PDB file of all heavy atoms in Angstrom:
ATOM      1  N   CYS A   1     118.894 121.469 -18.086  1.00  0.00           N
ATOM      2  CA  CYS A   1     117.527 121.720 -18.509  1.00  0.00           C
ATOM      3  C   CYS A   1     116.911 122.701 -17.509  1.00  0.00           C
ATOM      4  O   CYS A   1     116.876 122.428 -16.310  1.00  0.00           O
ATOM      5  CB  CYS A   1     116.735 120.420 -18.539  1.00  0.00           C
ATOM      6  SG  CYS A   1     114.985 120.647 -18.936  1.00  0.00           S
ATOM      7  N   VAL A   2     116.456 123.837 -17.993  1.00  0.00           N
ATOM      8  CA  VAL A   2     115.884 124.853 -17.117  1.00  0.00           C
ATOM      9  C   VAL A   2     114.445 124.476 -16.776  1.00  0.00           C
ATOM     10  O   VAL A   2     113.593 124.371 -17.665  1.00  0.00           O
ATOM     11  CB  VAL A   2     115.931 126.247 -17.776  1.00  0.00           C
ATOM     12  CG1 VAL A   2     115.341 127.308 -16.838  1.00  0.00           C
ATOM     13  CG2 VAL A   2     117.362 126.603 -18.143  1.00  0.00           C
ATOM     14  N   SER A   3     114.181 124.255 -15.502  1.00  0.00           N
ATOM     15  CA  SER A   3     112.855 123.840 -15.047  1.00  0.00           C
ATOM     16  C   SER A   3     111.919 125.029 -14.883  1.00  0.00           C
ATOM     17  O   SER A   3     112.341 126.189 -14.845  1.00  0.00           O
ATOM     18  CB  SER A   3     112.972 123.103 -13.704  1.00  0.00           C
ATOM     19  OG  SER A   3     113.770 121.951 -13.826  1.00  0.00           O
ATOM     20  N   HIS A   4     110.629 124.723 -14.775  1.00  0.00           N
ATOM     21  CA  HIS A   4     109.610 125.727 -14.475  1.00  0.00           C
ATOM     22  C   HIS A   4     109.290 125.689 -12.985  1.00  0.00           C
ATOM     23  O   HIS A   4     109.307 124.620 -12.377  1.00  0.00           O
ATOM     24  CB  HIS A   4     108.327 125.453 -15.265  1.00  0.00           C
ATOM     25  CG  HIS A   4     108.440 125.741 -16.724  1.00  0.00           C
ATOM     26  ND1 HIS A   4     109.245 125.006 -17.579  1.00  0.00           N
ATOM     27  CD2 HIS A   4     107.835 126.688 -17.500  1.00  0.00           C
ATOM     28  CE1 HIS A   4     109.130 125.487 -18.810  1.00  0.00           C
ATOM     29  NE2 HIS A   4     108.283 126.506 -18.789  1.00  0.00           N
ATOM     30  N   THR A   5     109.016 126.840 -12.409  1.00  0.00           N
ATOM     31  CA  THR A   5     108.632 126.889 -11.000  1.00  0.00           C
ATOM     32  C   THR A   5     107.662 128.037 -10.749  1.00  0.00           C
ATOM     33  O   THR A   5     107.675 129.046 -11.464  1.00  0.00           O
ATOM     34  CB  THR A   5     109.860 127.054 -10.085  1.00  0.00           C
ATOM     35  OG1 THR A   5     109.432 127.047  -8.717  1.00  0.00           O
ATOM     36  CG2 THR A   5     110.581 128.368 -10.355  1.00  0.00           C
ATOM     37  N   THR A   6     106.861 127.859  -9.715  1.00  0.00           N
ATOM     38  CA  THR A   6     105.920 128.913  -9.330  1.00  0.00           C
ATOM     39  C   THR A   6     106.476 129.779  -8.205  1.00  0.00           C
ATOM     40  O   THR A   6     105.821 130.726  -7.783  1.00  0.00           O
ATOM     41  CB  THR A   6     104.586 128.303  -8.869  1.00  0.00           C
ATOM     42  OG1 THR A   6     104.817 127.424  -7.756  1.00  0.00           O
ATOM     43  CG2 THR A   6     103.931 127.508  -9.999  1.00  0.00           C
ATOM     44  N   ARG A   7     107.676 129.452  -7.693  1.00  0.00           N
ATOM     45  CA  ARG A   7     108.225 130.282  -6.618  1.00  0.00           C
ATOM     46  C   ARG A   7     108.770 131.579  -7.182  1.00  0.00           C
ATOM     47  O   ARG A   7     109.068 131.695  -8.381  1.00  0.00           O
ATOM     48  CB  ARG A   7     109.300 129.530  -5.843  1.00  0.00           C
ATOM     49  CG  ARG A   7     110.657 129.400  -6.513  1.00  0.00           C
ATOM     50  CD  ARG A   7     111.716 129.068  -5.466  1.00  0.00           C
ATOM     51  NE  ARG A   7     113.015 128.731  -6.015  1.00  0.00           N
ATOM     52  CZ  ARG A   7     113.896 129.615  -6.444  1.00  0.00           C
ATOM     53  NH1 ARG A   7     113.593 130.902  -6.460  1.00  0.00           N
ATOM     54  NH2 ARG A   7     115.071 129.221  -6.899  1.00  0.00           N
ATOM     55  N   SER A   8     108.931 132.568  -6.318  1.00  0.00           N
ATOM     56  CA  SER A   8     109.453 133.859  -6.732  1.00  0.00           C
ATOM     57  C   SER A   8     110.965 133.777  -6.929  1.00  0.00           C
ATOM     58  O   SER A   8     111.639 133.000  -6.246  1.00  0.00           O
ATOM     59  CB  SER A   8     109.136 134.921  -5.679  1.00  0.00           C
ATOM     60  OG  SER A   8     107.734 135.048  -5.497  1.00  0.00           O
ATOM     61  N   PRO A   9     111.501 134.568  -7.852  1.00  0.00           N
ATOM     62  CA  PRO A   9     112.958 134.564  -8.056  1.00  0.00           C
ATOM     63  C   PRO A   9     113.683 135.057  -6.815  1.00  0.00           C
ATOM     64  O   PRO A   9     113.230 135.978  -6.129  1.00  0.00           O
ATOM     65  CB  PRO A   9     113.147 135.544  -9.221  1.00  0.00           C
ATOM     66  CG  PRO A   9     111.819 135.626  -9.887  1.00  0.00           C
ATOM     67  CD  PRO A   9     110.808 135.457  -8.799  1.00  0.00           C
ATOM     68  N   ARG A  10     114.827 134.438  -6.507  1.00  0.00           N
ATOM     69  CA  ARG A  10     115.689 134.915  -5.435  1.00  0.00           C
ATOM     70  C   ARG A  10     116.593 136.013  -5.984  1.00  0.00           C
ATOM     71  O   ARG A  10     116.740 136.140  -7.205  1.00  0.00           O
ATOM     72  CB  ARG A  10     116.528 133.759  -4.877  1.00  0.00           C
ATOM     73  CG  ARG A  10     115.706 132.698  -4.148  1.00  0.00           C
ATOM     74  CD  ARG A  10     116.524 131.485  -3.818  1.00  0.00           C
ATOM     75  NE  ARG A  10     115.738 130.466  -3.108  1.00  0.00           N
ATOM     76  CZ  ARG A  10     116.032 129.182  -3.046  1.00  0.00           C
ATOM     77  NH1 ARG A  10     117.118 128.738  -3.677  1.00  0.00           N
ATOM     78  NH2 ARG A  10     115.268 128.335  -2.389  1.00  0.00           N
ATOM     79  N   PRO A  11     117.197 136.801  -5.120  1.00  0.00           N
ATOM     80  CA  PRO A  11     118.090 137.868  -5.586  1.00  0.00           C
ATOM     81  C   PRO A  11     119.158 137.322  -6.532  1.00  0.00           C
ATOM     82  O   PRO A  11     119.837 136.341  -6.224  1.00  0.00           O
ATOM     83  CB  PRO A  11     118.700 138.405  -4.287  1.00  0.00           C
ATOM     84  CG  PRO A  11     117.655 138.131  -3.255  1.00  0.00           C
ATOM     85  CD  PRO A  11     117.049 136.810  -3.646  1.00  0.00           C
ATOM     86  N   GLY A  12     119.284 137.944  -7.690  1.00  0.00           N
ATOM     87  CA  GLY A  12     120.293 137.539  -8.659  1.00  0.00           C
ATOM     88  C   GLY A  12     119.812 136.512  -9.668  1.00  0.00           C
ATOM     89  O   GLY A  12     120.497 136.263 -10.675  1.00  0.00           O
ATOM     90  N   GLU A  13     118.671 135.879  -9.430  1.00  0.00           N
ATOM     91  CA  GLU A  13     118.161 134.887 -10.371  1.00  0.00           C
ATOM     92  C   GLU A  13     117.478 135.573 -11.554  1.00  0.00           C
ATOM     93  O   GLU A  13     116.812 136.599 -11.401  1.00  0.00           O
ATOM     94  CB  GLU A  13     117.183 133.939  -9.683  1.00  0.00           C
ATOM     95  CG  GLU A  13     117.845 133.001  -8.684  1.00  0.00           C
ATOM     96  CD  GLU A  13     116.882 131.986  -8.092  1.00  0.00           C
ATOM     97  OE1 GLU A  13     115.673 132.289  -7.998  1.00  0.00           O
ATOM     98  OE2 GLU A  13     117.352 130.896  -7.706  1.00  0.00           O
ATOM     99  N   VAL A  14     117.642 134.974 -12.732  1.00  0.00           N
ATOM    100  CA  VAL A  14     117.113 135.542 -13.967  1.00  0.00           C
ATOM    101  C   VAL A  14     116.161 134.545 -14.619  1.00  0.00           C
ATOM    102  O   VAL A  14     116.476 133.350 -14.718  1.00  0.00           O
ATOM    103  CB  VAL A  14     118.252 135.883 -14.954  1.00  0.00           C
ATOM    104  CG1 VAL A  14     117.690 136.450 -16.257  1.00  0.00           C
ATOM    105  CG2 VAL A  14     119.227 136.863 -14.318  1.00  0.00           C
ATOM    106  N   ASP A  15     115.013 135.017 -15.032  1.00  0.00           N
ATOM    107  CA  ASP A  15     114.036 134.150 -15.686  1.00  0.00           C
ATOM    108  C   ASP A  15     114.647 133.539 -16.944  1.00  0.00           C
ATOM    109  O   ASP A  15     115.252 134.234 -17.763  1.00  0.00           O
ATOM    110  CB  ASP A  15     112.788 134.956 -16.054  1.00  0.00           C
ATOM    111  CG  ASP A  15     111.708 134.094 -16.680  1.00  0.00           C
ATOM    112  OD1 ASP A  15     111.458 132.985 -16.171  1.00  0.00           O
ATOM    113  OD2 ASP A  15     111.117 134.524 -17.693  1.00  0.00           O
ATOM    114  N   GLY A  16     114.518 132.218 -17.063  1.00  0.00           N
ATOM    115  CA  GLY A  16     115.068 131.523 -18.214  1.00  0.00           C
ATOM    116  C   GLY A  16     116.489 131.047 -18.021  1.00  0.00           C
ATOM    117  O   GLY A  16     117.019 130.316 -18.859  1.00  0.00           O
ATOM    118  N   VAL A  17     117.111 131.446 -16.924  1.00  0.00           N
ATOM    119  CA  VAL A  17     118.481 130.999 -16.632  1.00  0.00           C
ATOM    120  C   VAL A  17     118.458 129.977 -15.506  1.00  0.00           C
ATOM    121  O   VAL A  17     118.784 128.805 -15.710  1.00  0.00           O
ATOM    122  CB  VAL A  17     119.388 132.190 -16.256  1.00  0.00           C
ATOM    123  CG1 VAL A  17     120.794 131.692 -15.903  1.00  0.00           C
ATOM    124  CG2 VAL A  17     119.450 133.174 -17.401  1.00  0.00           C
ATOM    125  N   GLN A  18     118.098 130.418 -14.308  1.00  0.00           N
ATOM    126  CA  GLN A  18     117.984 129.465 -13.196  1.00  0.00           C
ATOM    127  C   GLN A  18     116.694 128.645 -13.323  1.00  0.00           C
ATOM    128  O   GLN A  18     116.699 127.433 -13.176  1.00  0.00           O
ATOM    129  CB  GLN A  18     118.012 130.188 -11.844  1.00  0.00           C
ATOM    130  CG  GLN A  18     119.374 130.691 -11.421  1.00  0.00           C
ATOM    131  CD  GLN A  18     119.764 131.964 -12.139  1.00  0.00           C
ATOM    132  OE1 GLN A  18     118.909 132.685 -12.662  1.00  0.00           O
ATOM    133  NE2 GLN A  18     121.050 132.265 -12.146  1.00  0.00           N
ATOM    134  N   TYR A  19     115.598 129.336 -13.592  1.00  0.00           N
ATOM    135  CA  TYR A  19     114.284 128.713 -13.772  1.00  0.00           C
ATOM    136  C   TYR A  19     113.464 129.541 -14.750  1.00  0.00           C
ATOM    137  O   TYR A  19     113.772 130.706 -15.018  1.00  0.00           O
ATOM    138  CB  TYR A  19     113.506 128.672 -12.439  1.00  0.00           C
ATOM    139  CG  TYR A  19     113.999 127.671 -11.422  1.00  0.00           C
ATOM    140  CD1 TYR A  19     114.849 128.070 -10.395  1.00  0.00           C
ATOM    141  CD2 TYR A  19     113.598 126.334 -11.455  1.00  0.00           C
ATOM    142  CE1 TYR A  19     115.296 127.168  -9.443  1.00  0.00           C
ATOM    143  CE2 TYR A  19     114.032 125.428 -10.515  1.00  0.00           C
ATOM    144  CZ  TYR A  19     114.881 125.838  -9.513  1.00  0.00           C
ATOM    145  OH  TYR A  19     115.320 124.941  -8.576  1.00  0.00           O
ATOM    146  N   HIS A  20     112.400 128.914 -15.265  1.00  0.00           N
ATOM    147  CA  HIS A  20     111.340 129.653 -15.929  1.00  0.00           C
ATOM    148  C   HIS A  20     110.312 129.947 -14.832  1.00  0.00           C
ATOM    149  O   HIS A  20     109.654 129.036 -14.327  1.00  0.00           O
ATOM    150  CB  HIS A  20     110.699 128.827 -17.040  1.00  0.00           C
ATOM    151  CG  HIS A  20     111.624 128.498 -18.168  1.00  0.00           C
ATOM    152  ND1 HIS A  20     112.148 129.455 -19.017  1.00  0.00           N
ATOM    153  CD2 HIS A  20     112.124 127.303 -18.601  1.00  0.00           C
ATOM    154  CE1 HIS A  20     112.927 128.884 -19.913  1.00  0.00           C
ATOM    155  NE2 HIS A  20     112.935 127.578 -19.680  1.00  0.00           N
ATOM    156  N   PHE A  21     110.197 131.191 -14.430  1.00  0.00           N
ATOM    157  CA  PHE A  21     109.299 131.552 -13.345  1.00  0.00           C
ATOM    158  C   PHE A  21     107.904 131.835 -13.916  1.00  0.00           C
ATOM    159  O   PHE A  21     107.737 132.733 -14.748  1.00  0.00           O
ATOM    160  CB  PHE A  21     109.841 132.779 -12.602  1.00  0.00           C
ATOM    161  CG  PHE A  21     111.157 132.533 -11.921  1.00  0.00           C
ATOM    162  CD1 PHE A  21     112.349 132.934 -12.518  1.00  0.00           C
ATOM    163  CD2 PHE A  21     111.217 131.881 -10.700  1.00  0.00           C
ATOM    164  CE1 PHE A  21     113.575 132.701 -11.902  1.00  0.00           C
ATOM    165  CE2 PHE A  21     112.442 131.637 -10.080  1.00  0.00           C
ATOM    166  CZ  PHE A  21     113.618 132.049 -10.680  1.00  0.00           C
ATOM    167  N   VAL A  22     106.931 131.047 -13.483  1.00  0.00           N
ATOM    168  CA  VAL A  22     105.575 131.160 -14.018  1.00  0.00           C
ATOM    169  C   VAL A  22     104.569 131.238 -12.876  1.00  0.00           C
ATOM    170  O   VAL A  22     104.874 130.908 -11.732  1.00  0.00           O
ATOM    171  CB  VAL A  22     105.228 129.972 -14.932  1.00  0.00           C
ATOM    172  CG1 VAL A  22     106.166 129.920 -16.143  1.00  0.00           C
ATOM    173  CG2 VAL A  22     105.290 128.653 -14.162  1.00  0.00           C
ATOM    174  N   SER A  23     103.364 131.661 -13.208  1.00  0.00           N
ATOM    175  CA  SER A  23     102.294 131.724 -12.217  1.00  0.00           C
ATOM    176  C   SER A  23     101.738 130.325 -11.970  1.00  0.00           C
ATOM    177  O   SER A  23     101.957 129.392 -12.762  1.00  0.00           O
ATOM    178  CB  SER A  23     101.169 132.632 -12.716  1.00  0.00           C
ATOM    179  OG  SER A  23     100.551 132.068 -13.862  1.00  0.00           O
ATOM    180  N   VAL A  24     100.999 130.183 -10.875  1.00  0.00           N
ATOM    181  CA  VAL A  24     100.361 128.900 -10.570  1.00  0.00           C
ATOM    182  C   VAL A  24      99.394 128.527 -11.686  1.00  0.00           C
ATOM    183  O   VAL A  24      99.311 127.361 -12.104  1.00  0.00           O
ATOM    184  CB  VAL A  24      99.626 128.963  -9.218  1.00  0.00           C
ATOM    185  CG1 VAL A  24      98.819 127.685  -8.986  1.00  0.00           C
ATOM    186  CG2 VAL A  24     100.615 129.181  -8.076  1.00  0.00           C
ATOM    187  N   GLU A  25      98.668 129.527 -12.191  1.00  0.00           N
ATOM    188  CA  GLU A  25      97.701 129.271 -13.257  1.00  0.00           C
ATOM    189  C   GLU A  25      98.394 128.758 -14.523  1.00  0.00           C
ATOM    190  O   GLU A  25      97.926 127.800 -15.157  1.00  0.00           O
ATOM    191  CB  GLU A  25      96.916 130.554 -13.579  1.00  0.00           C
ATOM    192  CG  GLU A  25      95.996 131.036 -12.478  1.00  0.00           C
ATOM    193  CD  GLU A  25      96.726 131.673 -11.313  1.00  0.00           C
ATOM    194  OE1 GLU A  25      97.919 132.064 -11.487  1.00  0.00           O
ATOM    195  OE2 GLU A  25      96.131 131.764 -10.226  1.00  0.00           O
ATOM    196  N   ALA A  26      99.522 129.367 -14.874  1.00  0.00           N
ATOM    197  CA  ALA A  26     100.253 128.935 -16.062  1.00  0.00           C
ATOM    198  C   ALA A  26     100.811 127.530 -15.876  1.00  0.00           C
ATOM    199  O   ALA A  26     100.813 126.710 -16.803  1.00  0.00           O
ATOM    200  CB  ALA A  26     101.381 129.917 -16.371  1.00  0.00           C
ATOM    201  N   PHE A  27     101.294 127.257 -14.665  1.00  0.00           N
ATOM    202  CA  PHE A  27     101.844 125.926 -14.375  1.00  0.00           C
ATOM    203  C   PHE A  27     100.753 124.868 -14.492  1.00  0.00           C
ATOM    204  O   PHE A  27     100.957 123.814 -15.111  1.00  0.00           O
ATOM    205  CB  PHE A  27     102.439 125.911 -12.966  1.00  0.00           C
ATOM    206  CG  PHE A  27     103.281 124.701 -12.668  1.00  0.00           C
ATOM    207  CD1 PHE A  27     104.656 124.729 -12.852  1.00  0.00           C
ATOM    208  CD2 PHE A  27     102.697 123.525 -12.207  1.00  0.00           C
ATOM    209  CE1 PHE A  27     105.432 123.613 -12.585  1.00  0.00           C
ATOM    210  CE2 PHE A  27     103.462 122.406 -11.940  1.00  0.00           C
ATOM    211  CZ  PHE A  27     104.844 122.450 -12.124  1.00  0.00           C
ATOM    212  N   GLU A  28      99.599 125.136 -13.895  1.00  0.00           N
ATOM    213  CA  GLU A  28      98.491 124.183 -13.945  1.00  0.00           C
ATOM    214  C   GLU A  28      98.024 123.957 -15.375  1.00  0.00           C
ATOM    215  O   GLU A  28      97.619 122.844 -15.747  1.00  0.00           O
ATOM    216  CB  GLU A  28      97.340 124.687 -13.077  1.00  0.00           C
ATOM    217  CG  GLU A  28      97.648 124.650 -11.583  1.00  0.00           C
ATOM    218  CD  GLU A  28      96.532 125.248 -10.742  1.00  0.00           C
ATOM    219  OE1 GLU A  28      95.712 126.010 -11.309  1.00  0.00           O
ATOM    220  OE2 GLU A  28      96.486 124.969  -9.527  1.00  0.00           O
ATOM    221  N   SER A  29      98.099 124.989 -16.203  1.00  0.00           N
ATOM    222  CA  SER A  29      97.731 124.847 -17.605  1.00  0.00           C
ATOM    223  C   SER A  29      98.695 123.905 -18.323  1.00  0.00           C
ATOM    224  O   SER A  29      98.282 123.071 -19.140  1.00  0.00           O
ATOM    225  CB  SER A  29      97.743 126.217 -18.283  1.00  0.00           C
ATOM    226  OG  SER A  29      97.437 126.101 -19.664  1.00  0.00           O
ATOM    227  N   MET A  30      99.980 124.013 -18.007  1.00  0.00           N
ATOM    228  CA  MET A  30     100.972 123.128 -18.611  1.00  0.00           C
ATOM    229  C   MET A  30     100.768 121.684 -18.156  1.00  0.00           C
ATOM    230  O   MET A  30     100.950 120.744 -18.932  1.00  0.00           O
ATOM    231  CB  MET A  30     102.386 123.605 -18.267  1.00  0.00           C
ATOM    232  CG  MET A  30     102.768 124.928 -18.895  1.00  0.00           C
ATOM    233  SD  MET A  30     104.476 125.447 -18.511  1.00  0.00           S
ATOM    234  CE  MET A  30     105.418 124.230 -19.462  1.00  0.00           C
ATOM    235  N   VAL A  31     100.384 121.507 -16.898  1.00  0.00           N
ATOM    236  CA  VAL A  31     100.086 120.158 -16.396  1.00  0.00           C
ATOM    237  C   VAL A  31      98.924 119.557 -17.184  1.00  0.00           C
ATOM    238  O   VAL A  31      98.961 118.394 -17.604  1.00  0.00           O
ATOM    239  CB  VAL A  31      99.760 120.196 -14.890  1.00  0.00           C
ATOM    240  CG1 VAL A  31      99.239 118.823 -14.427  1.00  0.00           C
ATOM    241  CG2 VAL A  31     100.988 120.590 -14.079  1.00  0.00           C
TER     242      VAL A  31
END
């Protein structure tokens, strides 16, 4: 299950593969 995170992607990481990378505002909205 691909989790959501507010941290920045590390080298080689792809959005939707390792994590769903979102802003703090978007994360708080989901909460």
